Amino acid sequence: MLWAVTGHTPRSEFLYRLPSFVAVELGIIMLYALTRRLWGPVVALVVALCAQLSPYLAFYAAEARNYGMWFFCVTASAVAAVHWYDAVNARAAPRRVWGWTAVLAVINTVGLWTHAFHVFVLFGEVVILAGAIALGPMAPDDAAAGRSARSGAAELATAALFAPWIVVIVRAAHAGTAGVTWTRPFS
């Protein structure tokens, strides 16, 4: 995002930091949407206000780094996971369920491309969704198998879309880059 912004705009501190700020603000909107769906509008407003006033989040919003975008990906992924779960439990049309599966896969792929630690978000989502499905409303075995297949499809699509980045990491490791592969040598 930073490369795209700076390639077509004047170079300035403000424009370098703007993508992080916008991503954090969109993440707060996603956080509001998530908490509103789970706990109602009053709780959502309090959570969004706390996030907006958080000095840690403000710090990341002011940086020209990837953490603002990652915050957006984490919150958008949680929103998509809840919508996916709702669609599966409501036995919605397969098109709607597969649509949320695709959205979840794309968001998580962007999250992985933004920060490798997004793998922990994926792990958490898998555990939570599997637990929610296992403890959810009683359903015939074939319906439970279908839900598991759709959840697995989202995770497999994420892995497939993330595969090119894994190739880059492996090539950098074989090139003899010591330590963290995206840092430059000490100078």
N, C-alpha and C. Protein backbone atom coordinates (compact mmCIF):
# COMPACT_ATOMS: atom_id res chain seq x y z
N MET A 1 0.83 -1.20 0.00
CA MET A 1 0.00 0.00 0.00
C MET A 1 0.86 1.24 0.00
N LEU A 2 1.94 1.21 0.81
CA LEU A 2 2.82 2.37 0.88
C LEU A 2 3.48 2.63 -0.47
N TRP A 3 3.92 1.58 -1.12
CA TRP A 3 4.53 1.72 -2.44
C TRP A 3 3.54 2.33 -3.42
N ALA A 4 2.29 1.88 -3.40
CA ALA A 4 1.28 2.41 -4.31
C ALA A 4 0.98 3.87 -4.02
N VAL A 5 0.90 4.23 -2.75
CA VAL A 5 0.59 5.62 -2.39
C VAL A 5 1.74 6.54 -2.76
N THR A 6 2.96 6.14 -2.42
CA THR A 6 4.09 7.04 -2.66
C THR A 6 4.49 7.10 -4.13
N GLY A 7 4.09 6.12 -4.91
CA GLY A 7 4.41 6.16 -6.33
C GLY A 7 3.61 7.18 -7.10
N HIS A 8 2.50 7.62 -6.55
CA HIS A 8 1.60 8.53 -7.28
C HIS A 8 1.29 9.82 -6.52
N THR A 9 1.96 10.04 -5.43
CA THR A 9 1.72 11.25 -4.64
C THR A 9 3.05 11.88 -4.26
N PRO A 10 3.03 13.12 -3.85
CA PRO A 10 4.27 13.74 -3.38
C PRO A 10 4.80 13.01 -2.15
N ARG A 11 6.10 12.99 -2.01
CA ARG A 11 6.71 12.31 -0.86
C ARG A 11 6.65 13.23 0.36
N SER A 12 5.95 12.74 1.38
CA SER A 12 5.84 13.51 2.62
C SER A 12 5.56 12.55 3.77
N GLU A 13 5.92 12.97 4.97
CA GLU A 13 5.65 12.17 6.16
C GLU A 13 4.17 11.83 6.26
N PHE A 14 3.33 12.82 6.01
CA PHE A 14 1.89 12.63 6.13
C PHE A 14 1.42 11.50 5.21
N LEU A 15 1.84 11.51 3.95
CA LEU A 15 1.38 10.50 3.01
C LEU A 15 2.02 9.14 3.26
N TYR A 16 3.22 9.12 3.84
CA TYR A 16 3.82 7.83 4.22
C TYR A 16 3.03 7.17 5.34
N ARG A 17 2.52 7.98 6.25
CA ARG A 17 1.83 7.45 7.42
C ARG A 17 0.32 7.28 7.20
N LEU A 18 -0.22 7.89 6.18
CA LEU A 18 -1.66 7.86 5.94
C LEU A 18 -2.22 6.45 5.77
N PRO A 19 -1.60 5.54 5.02
CA PRO A 19 -2.19 4.20 4.89
C PRO A 19 -2.37 3.48 6.24
N SER A 20 -1.40 3.63 7.14
CA SER A 20 -1.54 3.00 8.46
C SER A 20 -2.71 3.60 9.23
N PHE A 21 -2.83 4.91 9.17
CA PHE A 21 -3.93 5.59 9.87
C PHE A 21 -5.28 5.13 9.34
N VAL A 22 -5.42 5.09 8.02
CA VAL A 22 -6.69 4.68 7.40
C VAL A 22 -6.99 3.22 7.76
N ALA A 23 -5.97 2.36 7.72
CA ALA A 23 -6.18 0.95 8.05
C ALA A 23 -6.64 0.78 9.50
N VAL A 24 -6.04 1.53 10.42
CA VAL A 24 -6.45 1.44 11.83
C VAL A 24 -7.89 1.92 11.99
N GLU A 25 -8.23 3.01 11.34
CA GLU A 25 -9.61 3.51 11.45
C GLU A 25 -10.61 2.51 10.87
N LEU A 26 -10.27 1.88 9.75
CA LEU A 26 -11.15 0.84 9.20
C LEU A 26 -11.20 -0.37 10.13
N GLY A 27 -10.09 -0.67 10.79
CA GLY A 27 -10.07 -1.75 11.76
C GLY A 27 -10.98 -1.47 12.95
N ILE A 28 -11.01 -0.22 13.38
CA ILE A 28 -11.91 0.15 14.49
C ILE A 28 -13.36 0.01 14.06
N ILE A 29 -13.66 0.34 12.81
CA ILE A 29 -15.02 0.14 12.30
C ILE A 29 -15.36 -1.35 12.30
N MET A 30 -14.42 -2.19 11.88
CA MET A 30 -14.64 -3.64 11.91
C MET A 30 -14.82 -4.15 13.34
N LEU A 31 -14.02 -3.60 14.27
CA LEU A 31 -14.14 -3.97 15.68
C LEU A 31 -15.52 -3.59 16.21
N TYR A 32 -16.00 -2.41 15.84
CA TYR A 32 -17.34 -1.98 16.22
C TYR A 32 -18.39 -2.96 15.67
N ALA A 33 -18.26 -3.31 14.38
CA ALA A 33 -19.23 -4.22 13.76
C ALA A 33 -19.23 -5.58 14.45
N LEU A 34 -18.05 -6.06 14.79
CA LEU A 34 -17.94 -7.36 15.46
C LEU A 34 -18.57 -7.33 16.85
N THR A 35 -18.20 -6.36 17.65
CA THR A 35 -18.74 -6.31 19.02
C THR A 35 -20.23 -5.98 19.03
N ARG A 36 -20.69 -5.21 18.05
CA ARG A 36 -22.13 -4.95 17.96
C ARG A 36 -22.89 -6.23 17.68
N ARG A 37 -22.36 -7.03 16.78
CA ARG A 37 -23.01 -8.30 16.45
C ARG A 37 -23.01 -9.26 17.65
N LEU A 38 -21.90 -9.28 18.40
CA LEU A 38 -21.78 -10.24 19.49
C LEU A 38 -22.41 -9.77 20.79
N TRP A 39 -22.29 -8.46 21.13
CA TRP A 39 -22.72 -8.00 22.45
C TRP A 39 -23.61 -6.77 22.43
N GLY A 40 -23.95 -6.25 21.28
CA GLY A 40 -24.89 -5.14 21.21
C GLY A 40 -24.23 -3.79 20.98
N PRO A 41 -25.06 -2.77 20.71
CA PRO A 41 -24.54 -1.46 20.31
C PRO A 41 -23.83 -0.69 21.43
N VAL A 42 -24.28 -0.83 22.67
CA VAL A 42 -23.64 -0.09 23.76
C VAL A 42 -22.22 -0.59 23.99
N VAL A 43 -22.07 -1.90 24.07
CA VAL A 43 -20.74 -2.48 24.25
C VAL A 43 -19.86 -2.13 23.05
N ALA A 44 -20.43 -2.20 21.86
CA ALA A 44 -19.65 -1.89 20.65
C ALA A 44 -19.15 -0.45 20.67
N LEU A 45 -19.97 0.46 21.12
CA LEU A 45 -19.55 1.87 21.19
C LEU A 45 -18.43 2.05 22.20
N VAL A 46 -18.54 1.40 23.35
CA VAL A 46 -17.50 1.50 24.37
C VAL A 46 -16.19 0.90 23.86
N VAL A 47 -16.26 -0.26 23.23
CA VAL A 47 -15.06 -0.91 22.70
C VAL A 47 -14.42 -0.05 21.62
N ALA A 48 -15.22 0.48 20.71
CA ALA A 48 -14.67 1.33 19.64
C ALA A 48 -14.05 2.60 20.22
N LEU A 49 -14.67 3.17 21.22
CA LEU A 49 -14.12 4.36 21.85
C LEU A 49 -12.79 4.04 22.55
N CYS A 50 -12.75 2.93 23.27
CA CYS A 50 -11.48 2.52 23.92
C CYS A 50 -10.39 2.29 22.88
N ALA A 51 -10.73 1.66 21.77
CA ALA A 51 -9.74 1.43 20.71
C ALA A 51 -9.29 2.75 20.11
N GLN A 52 -10.23 3.66 19.91
CA GLN A 52 -9.88 4.95 19.33
C GLN A 52 -8.95 5.75 20.23
N LEU A 53 -9.10 5.59 21.54
CA LEU A 53 -8.28 6.33 22.50
C LEU A 53 -7.04 5.56 22.96
N SER A 54 -6.86 4.35 22.49
CA SER A 54 -5.74 3.53 22.91
C SER A 54 -4.41 4.12 22.44
N PRO A 55 -3.50 4.40 23.36
CA PRO A 55 -2.20 4.95 22.95
C PRO A 55 -1.40 3.97 22.10
N TYR A 56 -1.55 2.68 22.33
CA TYR A 56 -0.83 1.69 21.53
C TYR A 56 -1.33 1.69 20.09
N LEU A 57 -2.64 1.69 19.93
CA LEU A 57 -3.20 1.70 18.58
C LEU A 57 -2.90 3.02 17.88
N ALA A 58 -2.91 4.12 18.63
CA ALA A 58 -2.55 5.42 18.05
C ALA A 58 -1.11 5.41 17.56
N PHE A 59 -0.22 4.78 18.33
CA PHE A 59 1.18 4.67 17.92
C PHE A 59 1.30 3.94 16.59
N TYR A 60 0.61 2.79 16.47
CA TYR A 60 0.69 2.02 15.22
C TYR A 60 -0.01 2.74 14.07
N ALA A 61 -1.03 3.52 14.38
CA ALA A 61 -1.70 4.28 13.33
C ALA A 61 -0.81 5.38 12.78
N ALA A 62 0.13 5.85 13.60
CA ALA A 62 1.00 6.95 13.18
C ALA A 62 2.28 6.46 12.50
N GLU A 63 2.51 5.16 12.49
CA GLU A 63 3.72 4.62 11.89
C GLU A 63 3.52 4.34 10.40
N ALA A 64 4.60 4.36 9.66
CA ALA A 64 4.57 3.98 8.25
C ALA A 64 5.00 2.52 8.13
N ARG A 65 4.32 1.64 8.87
CA ARG A 65 4.64 0.22 8.87
C ARG A 65 3.37 -0.59 8.69
N ASN A 66 3.49 -1.91 8.77
CA ASN A 66 2.38 -2.79 8.43
C ASN A 66 1.40 -3.09 9.56
N TYR A 67 1.64 -2.60 10.77
CA TYR A 67 0.81 -3.02 11.89
C TYR A 67 -0.62 -2.47 11.83
N GLY A 68 -0.82 -1.30 11.27
CA GLY A 68 -2.17 -0.78 11.10
C GLY A 68 -2.97 -1.65 10.15
N MET A 69 -2.34 -2.06 9.06
CA MET A 69 -3.00 -2.94 8.10
C MET A 69 -3.29 -4.30 8.73
N TRP A 70 -2.35 -4.78 9.53
CA TRP A 70 -2.57 -6.07 10.17
C TRP A 70 -3.73 -5.99 11.15
N PHE A 71 -3.85 -4.90 11.91
CA PHE A 71 -4.98 -4.72 12.82
C PHE A 71 -6.29 -4.79 12.03
N PHE A 72 -6.33 -4.13 10.90
CA PHE A 72 -7.53 -4.19 10.05
C PHE A 72 -7.81 -5.63 9.62
N CYS A 73 -6.77 -6.37 9.20
CA CYS A 73 -6.96 -7.75 8.76
C CYS A 73 -7.46 -8.64 9.88
N VAL A 74 -6.95 -8.44 11.09
CA VAL A 74 -7.39 -9.25 12.23
C VAL A 74 -8.86 -9.00 12.52
N THR A 75 -9.26 -7.74 12.58
CA THR A 75 -10.65 -7.43 12.90
C THR A 75 -11.59 -7.82 11.76
N ALA A 76 -11.18 -7.59 10.51
CA ALA A 76 -12.02 -7.98 9.37
C ALA A 76 -12.16 -9.49 9.30
N SER A 77 -11.09 -10.21 9.63
CA SER A 77 -11.14 -11.67 9.64
C SER A 77 -12.13 -12.17 10.69
N ALA A 78 -12.12 -11.55 11.86
CA ALA A 78 -13.06 -11.95 12.92
C ALA A 78 -14.50 -11.68 12.48
N VAL A 79 -14.74 -10.54 11.84
CA VAL A 79 -16.09 -10.23 11.34
C VAL A 79 -16.52 -11.26 10.31
N ALA A 80 -15.62 -11.57 9.37
CA ALA A 80 -15.95 -12.56 8.34
C ALA A 80 -16.19 -13.94 8.94
N ALA A 81 -15.41 -14.32 9.95
CA ALA A 81 -15.59 -15.63 10.60
C ALA A 81 -16.95 -15.71 11.28
N VAL A 82 -17.38 -14.63 11.92
CA VAL A 82 -18.70 -14.63 12.57
C VAL A 82 -19.80 -14.72 11.53
N HIS A 83 -19.68 -13.99 10.43
CA HIS A 83 -20.69 -14.08 9.37
C HIS A 83 -20.71 -15.47 8.75
N TRP A 84 -19.53 -16.06 8.57
CA TRP A 84 -19.46 -17.42 8.04
C TRP A 84 -20.18 -18.38 8.97
N TYR A 85 -19.89 -18.29 10.26
CA TYR A 85 -20.52 -19.17 11.25
C TYR A 85 -22.04 -18.96 11.26
N ASP A 86 -22.48 -17.71 11.21
CA ASP A 86 -23.92 -17.43 11.18
C ASP A 86 -24.58 -18.05 9.95
N ALA A 87 -23.91 -17.93 8.80
CA ALA A 87 -24.48 -18.49 7.57
C ALA A 87 -24.56 -20.01 7.64
N VAL A 88 -23.53 -20.64 8.19
CA VAL A 88 -23.53 -22.09 8.33
C VAL A 88 -24.62 -22.53 9.29
N ASN A 89 -24.73 -21.88 10.44
CA ASN A 89 -25.74 -22.27 11.43
C ASN A 89 -27.16 -22.01 10.96
N ALA A 90 -27.34 -20.97 10.16
CA ALA A 90 -28.68 -20.67 9.65
C ALA A 90 -29.04 -21.56 8.47
N ARG A 91 -28.10 -22.43 8.11
CA ARG A 91 -28.28 -23.28 6.93
C ARG A 91 -28.66 -22.43 5.72
N ALA A 92 -27.90 -21.36 5.56
CA ALA A 92 -28.13 -20.43 4.46
C ALA A 92 -27.82 -21.14 3.14
N ALA A 93 -28.20 -20.47 2.08
CA ALA A 93 -27.92 -21.01 0.75
C ALA A 93 -26.42 -21.25 0.60
N PRO A 94 -26.05 -22.34 -0.05
CA PRO A 94 -24.61 -22.63 -0.21
C PRO A 94 -23.83 -21.47 -0.82
N ARG A 95 -24.47 -20.71 -1.67
CA ARG A 95 -23.79 -19.57 -2.29
C ARG A 95 -23.35 -18.55 -1.24
N ARG A 96 -24.19 -18.30 -0.26
CA ARG A 96 -23.85 -17.35 0.81
C ARG A 96 -22.72 -17.89 1.68
N VAL A 97 -22.79 -19.17 2.02
CA VAL A 97 -21.75 -19.78 2.85
C VAL A 97 -20.42 -19.77 2.11
N TRP A 98 -20.44 -20.18 0.85
CA TRP A 98 -19.19 -20.19 0.07
C TRP A 98 -18.69 -18.77 -0.15
N GLY A 99 -19.59 -17.82 -0.26
CA GLY A 99 -19.18 -16.41 -0.39
C GLY A 99 -18.39 -15.96 0.84
N TRP A 100 -18.91 -16.28 2.03
CA TRP A 100 -18.18 -15.91 3.25
C TRP A 100 -16.90 -16.72 3.40
N THR A 101 -16.90 -17.95 2.88
CA THR A 101 -15.67 -18.75 2.87
C THR A 101 -14.60 -18.04 2.05
N ALA A 102 -14.99 -17.54 0.88
CA ALA A 102 -14.04 -16.83 0.01
C ALA A 102 -13.56 -15.53 0.65
N VAL A 103 -14.47 -14.79 1.26
CA VAL A 103 -14.09 -13.54 1.93
C VAL A 103 -13.10 -13.83 3.05
N LEU A 104 -13.38 -14.84 3.83
CA LEU A 104 -12.49 -15.22 4.93
C LEU A 104 -11.11 -15.62 4.40
N ALA A 105 -11.08 -16.36 3.33
CA ALA A 105 -9.81 -16.79 2.75
C ALA A 105 -9.00 -15.59 2.23
N VAL A 106 -9.66 -14.68 1.55
CA VAL A 106 -8.94 -13.51 1.01
C VAL A 106 -8.42 -12.62 2.13
N ILE A 107 -9.26 -12.35 3.12
CA ILE A 107 -8.82 -11.49 4.23
C ILE A 107 -7.65 -12.13 4.97
N ASN A 108 -7.74 -13.42 5.24
CA ASN A 108 -6.64 -14.08 5.95
C ASN A 108 -5.38 -14.16 5.11
N THR A 109 -5.53 -14.26 3.80
CA THR A 109 -4.36 -14.23 2.93
C THR A 109 -3.69 -12.87 2.98
N VAL A 110 -4.47 -11.81 2.90
CA VAL A 110 -3.90 -10.46 3.02
C VAL A 110 -3.24 -10.31 4.39
N GLY A 111 -3.88 -10.85 5.42
CA GLY A 111 -3.28 -10.80 6.75
C GLY A 111 -1.94 -11.51 6.81
N LEU A 112 -1.85 -12.68 6.17
CA LEU A 112 -0.58 -13.41 6.15
C LEU A 112 0.48 -12.68 5.33
N TRP A 113 0.07 -12.06 4.24
CA TRP A 113 1.02 -11.29 3.43
C TRP A 113 1.47 -10.04 4.18
N THR A 114 0.62 -9.53 5.06
CA THR A 114 0.96 -8.34 5.82
C THR A 114 1.90 -8.67 6.97
N HIS A 115 1.61 -9.74 7.69
CA HIS A 115 2.44 -10.12 8.82
C HIS A 115 2.35 -11.63 9.02
N ALA A 116 3.50 -12.29 9.09
CA ALA A 116 3.52 -13.75 9.22
C ALA A 116 2.84 -14.23 10.50
N PHE A 117 2.80 -13.40 11.53
CA PHE A 117 2.14 -13.79 12.78
C PHE A 117 0.63 -13.94 12.62
N HIS A 118 0.10 -13.58 11.48
CA HIS A 118 -1.33 -13.78 11.24
C HIS A 118 -1.68 -15.26 11.30
N VAL A 119 -0.67 -16.12 11.19
CA VAL A 119 -0.91 -17.55 11.31
C VAL A 119 -1.54 -17.87 12.68
N PHE A 120 -1.21 -17.10 13.70
CA PHE A 120 -1.81 -17.31 15.02
C PHE A 120 -3.29 -16.92 15.02
N VAL A 121 -3.66 -15.93 14.22
CA VAL A 121 -5.07 -15.57 14.07
C VAL A 121 -5.82 -16.74 13.42
N LEU A 122 -5.21 -17.30 12.37
CA LEU A 122 -5.83 -18.45 11.71
C LEU A 122 -6.02 -19.61 12.68
N PHE A 123 -4.98 -19.90 13.46
CA PHE A 123 -5.07 -20.99 14.42
C PHE A 123 -6.21 -20.73 15.41
N GLY A 124 -6.27 -19.52 15.93
CA GLY A 124 -7.34 -19.16 16.87
C GLY A 124 -8.72 -19.29 16.25
N GLU A 125 -8.87 -18.84 15.01
CA GLU A 125 -10.17 -18.96 14.34
C GLU A 125 -10.57 -20.41 14.15
N VAL A 126 -9.62 -21.24 13.75
CA VAL A 126 -9.93 -22.65 13.55
C VAL A 126 -10.40 -23.28 14.86
N VAL A 127 -9.70 -23.00 15.94
CA VAL A 127 -10.08 -23.57 17.24
C VAL A 127 -11.46 -23.07 17.66
N ILE A 128 -11.67 -21.77 17.56
CA ILE A 128 -12.96 -21.19 17.99
C ILE A 128 -14.11 -21.69 17.12
N LEU A 129 -13.92 -21.67 15.79
CA LEU A 129 -15.01 -22.11 14.91
C LEU A 129 -15.28 -23.61 15.08
N ALA A 130 -14.23 -24.40 15.23
CA ALA A 130 -14.44 -25.84 15.44
C ALA A 130 -15.19 -26.08 16.75
N GLY A 131 -14.80 -25.36 17.80
CA GLY A 131 -15.50 -25.49 19.07
C GLY A 131 -16.95 -25.03 18.98
N ALA A 132 -17.18 -23.93 18.28
CA ALA A 132 -18.54 -23.42 18.14
C ALA A 132 -19.41 -24.39 17.34
N ILE A 133 -18.83 -24.99 16.32
CA ILE A 133 -19.59 -25.96 15.53
C ILE A 133 -19.87 -27.21 16.36
N ALA A 134 -18.86 -27.66 17.10
CA ALA A 134 -19.03 -28.86 17.93
C ALA A 134 -20.06 -28.64 19.04
N LEU A 135 -20.09 -27.44 19.61
CA LEU A 135 -21.01 -27.16 20.70
C LEU A 135 -22.31 -26.52 20.24
N GLY A 136 -22.40 -26.24 18.94
CA GLY A 136 -23.56 -25.54 18.39
C GLY A 136 -24.81 -26.39 18.40
N PRO A 137 -25.84 -25.91 17.71
CA PRO A 137 -27.11 -26.63 17.67
C PRO A 137 -26.92 -28.05 17.12
N MET A 138 -27.72 -28.96 17.61
CA MET A 138 -27.65 -30.34 17.14
C MET A 138 -28.05 -30.38 15.67
N ALA A 139 -27.27 -31.11 14.90
CA ALA A 139 -27.54 -31.22 13.47
C ALA A 139 -27.24 -32.64 13.02
N PRO A 140 -27.86 -33.06 11.93
CA PRO A 140 -27.51 -34.38 11.41
C PRO A 140 -26.03 -34.44 11.06
N ASP A 141 -25.47 -35.65 11.07
CA ASP A 141 -24.04 -35.82 10.82
C ASP A 141 -23.62 -35.27 9.47
N ASP A 142 -24.47 -35.41 8.44
CA ASP A 142 -24.07 -34.91 7.12
C ASP A 142 -23.97 -33.38 7.10
N ALA A 143 -24.81 -32.69 7.89
CA ALA A 143 -24.72 -31.23 7.96
C ALA A 143 -23.43 -30.81 8.66
N ALA A 144 -23.06 -31.52 9.73
CA ALA A 144 -21.82 -31.21 10.44
C ALA A 144 -20.62 -31.44 9.53
N ALA A 145 -20.66 -32.50 8.73
CA ALA A 145 -19.56 -32.78 7.81
C ALA A 145 -19.46 -31.67 6.76
N GLY A 146 -20.59 -31.18 6.29
CA GLY A 146 -20.59 -30.09 5.32
C GLY A 146 -20.01 -28.81 5.90
N ARG A 147 -20.33 -28.52 7.16
CA ARG A 147 -19.76 -27.32 7.81
C ARG A 147 -18.26 -27.46 7.94
N SER A 148 -17.80 -28.63 8.34
CA SER A 148 -16.35 -28.85 8.47
C SER A 148 -15.66 -28.71 7.13
N ALA A 149 -16.27 -29.21 6.08
CA ALA A 149 -15.67 -29.12 4.74
C ALA A 149 -15.55 -27.67 4.30
N ARG A 150 -16.57 -26.85 4.57
CA ARG A 150 -16.50 -25.44 4.18
C ARG A 150 -15.46 -24.69 4.99
N SER A 151 -15.33 -25.00 6.28
CA SER A 151 -14.30 -24.37 7.10
C SER A 151 -12.93 -24.76 6.59
N GLY A 152 -12.74 -26.03 6.29
CA GLY A 152 -11.48 -26.49 5.74
C GLY A 152 -11.17 -25.85 4.41
N ALA A 153 -12.20 -25.60 3.60
CA ALA A 153 -12.00 -24.96 2.29
C ALA A 153 -11.45 -23.55 2.46
N ALA A 154 -11.94 -22.82 3.45
CA ALA A 154 -11.43 -21.46 3.69
C ALA A 154 -9.96 -21.51 4.08
N GLU A 155 -9.59 -22.45 4.92
CA GLU A 155 -8.20 -22.54 5.35
C GLU A 155 -7.31 -23.03 4.21
N LEU A 156 -7.78 -23.97 3.40
CA LEU A 156 -6.99 -24.44 2.25
C LEU A 156 -6.81 -23.34 1.22
N ALA A 157 -7.87 -22.56 0.98
CA ALA A 157 -7.75 -21.44 0.04
C ALA A 157 -6.75 -20.41 0.56
N THR A 158 -6.76 -20.16 1.85
CA THR A 158 -5.78 -19.24 2.43
C THR A 158 -4.36 -19.76 2.21
N ALA A 159 -4.15 -21.04 2.45
CA ALA A 159 -2.81 -21.63 2.26
C ALA A 159 -2.38 -21.53 0.81
N ALA A 160 -3.29 -21.79 -0.12
CA ALA A 160 -2.95 -21.73 -1.54
C ALA A 160 -2.60 -20.30 -1.97
N LEU A 161 -3.35 -19.33 -1.47
CA LEU A 161 -3.09 -17.94 -1.83
C LEU A 161 -1.81 -17.42 -1.16
N PHE A 162 -1.42 -18.02 -0.04
CA PHE A 162 -0.22 -17.60 0.67
C PHE A 162 1.03 -18.31 0.16
N ALA A 163 0.88 -19.38 -0.58
CA ALA A 163 2.01 -20.19 -1.04
C ALA A 163 3.12 -19.40 -1.73
N PRO A 164 2.81 -18.41 -2.60
CA PRO A 164 3.91 -17.67 -3.23
C PRO A 164 4.83 -16.99 -2.21
N TRP A 165 4.29 -16.51 -1.11
CA TRP A 165 5.13 -15.86 -0.11
C TRP A 165 6.02 -16.88 0.59
N ILE A 166 5.52 -18.08 0.78
CA ILE A 166 6.35 -19.13 1.38
C ILE A 166 7.55 -19.41 0.48
N VAL A 167 7.34 -19.41 -0.83
CA VAL A 167 8.44 -19.60 -1.78
C VAL A 167 9.48 -18.49 -1.62
N VAL A 168 9.05 -17.25 -1.47
CA VAL A 168 9.97 -16.14 -1.26
C VAL A 168 10.78 -16.33 0.02
N ILE A 169 10.14 -16.73 1.09
CA ILE A 169 10.82 -16.93 2.37
C ILE A 169 11.85 -18.06 2.25
N VAL A 170 11.48 -19.16 1.61
CA VAL A 170 12.39 -20.29 1.46
C VAL A 170 13.58 -19.90 0.59
N ARG A 171 13.34 -19.18 -0.51
CA ARG A 171 14.44 -18.73 -1.37
C ARG A 171 15.40 -17.82 -0.62
N ALA A 172 14.87 -16.92 0.19
CA ALA A 172 15.72 -16.02 0.97
C ALA A 172 16.55 -16.81 1.97
N ALA A 173 15.97 -17.84 2.55
CA ALA A 173 16.71 -18.66 3.51
C ALA A 173 17.83 -19.43 2.81
N HIS A 174 17.57 -19.93 1.62
CA HIS A 174 18.60 -20.65 0.86
C HIS A 174 19.65 -19.72 0.29
N ALA A 175 19.35 -18.45 0.16
CA ALA A 175 20.32 -17.48 -0.36
C ALA A 175 21.36 -17.12 0.68
N GLY A 176 21.20 -17.64 1.87
CA GLY A 176 22.19 -17.40 2.92
C GLY A 176 21.91 -16.18 3.76
N THR A 177 20.71 -15.63 3.67
CA THR A 177 20.37 -14.49 4.49
C THR A 177 20.28 -14.96 5.93
N ALA A 178 21.07 -14.36 6.79
CA ALA A 178 21.09 -14.76 8.20
C ALA A 178 20.00 -14.04 8.97
N GLY A 179 19.44 -14.71 9.93
CA GLY A 179 18.45 -14.09 10.81
C GLY A 179 17.13 -13.84 10.10
N VAL A 180 16.50 -12.76 10.44
CA VAL A 180 15.22 -12.39 9.86
C VAL A 180 15.47 -11.97 8.42
N THR A 181 14.76 -12.58 7.48
CA THR A 181 15.08 -12.41 6.06
C THR A 181 14.71 -11.04 5.49
N TRP A 182 13.90 -10.28 6.17
CA TRP A 182 13.49 -9.01 5.57
C TRP A 182 14.28 -7.81 6.12
N THR A 183 15.29 -8.05 6.94
CA THR A 183 16.09 -6.96 7.44
C THR A 183 17.34 -6.80 6.60
N ARG A 184 17.89 -5.62 6.60
CA ARG A 184 19.13 -5.38 5.85
C ARG A 184 20.31 -5.61 6.78
N PRO A 185 21.50 -5.83 6.22
CA PRO A 185 22.67 -6.04 7.05
C PRO A 185 22.98 -4.81 7.89
N PHE A 186 23.61 -5.03 9.04
CA PHE A 186 23.98 -3.93 9.91
C PHE A 186 24.99 -3.02 9.21
N SER A 187 24.78 -1.72 9.31
CA SER A 187 25.72 -0.78 8.68
C SER A 187 25.89 0.44 9.58
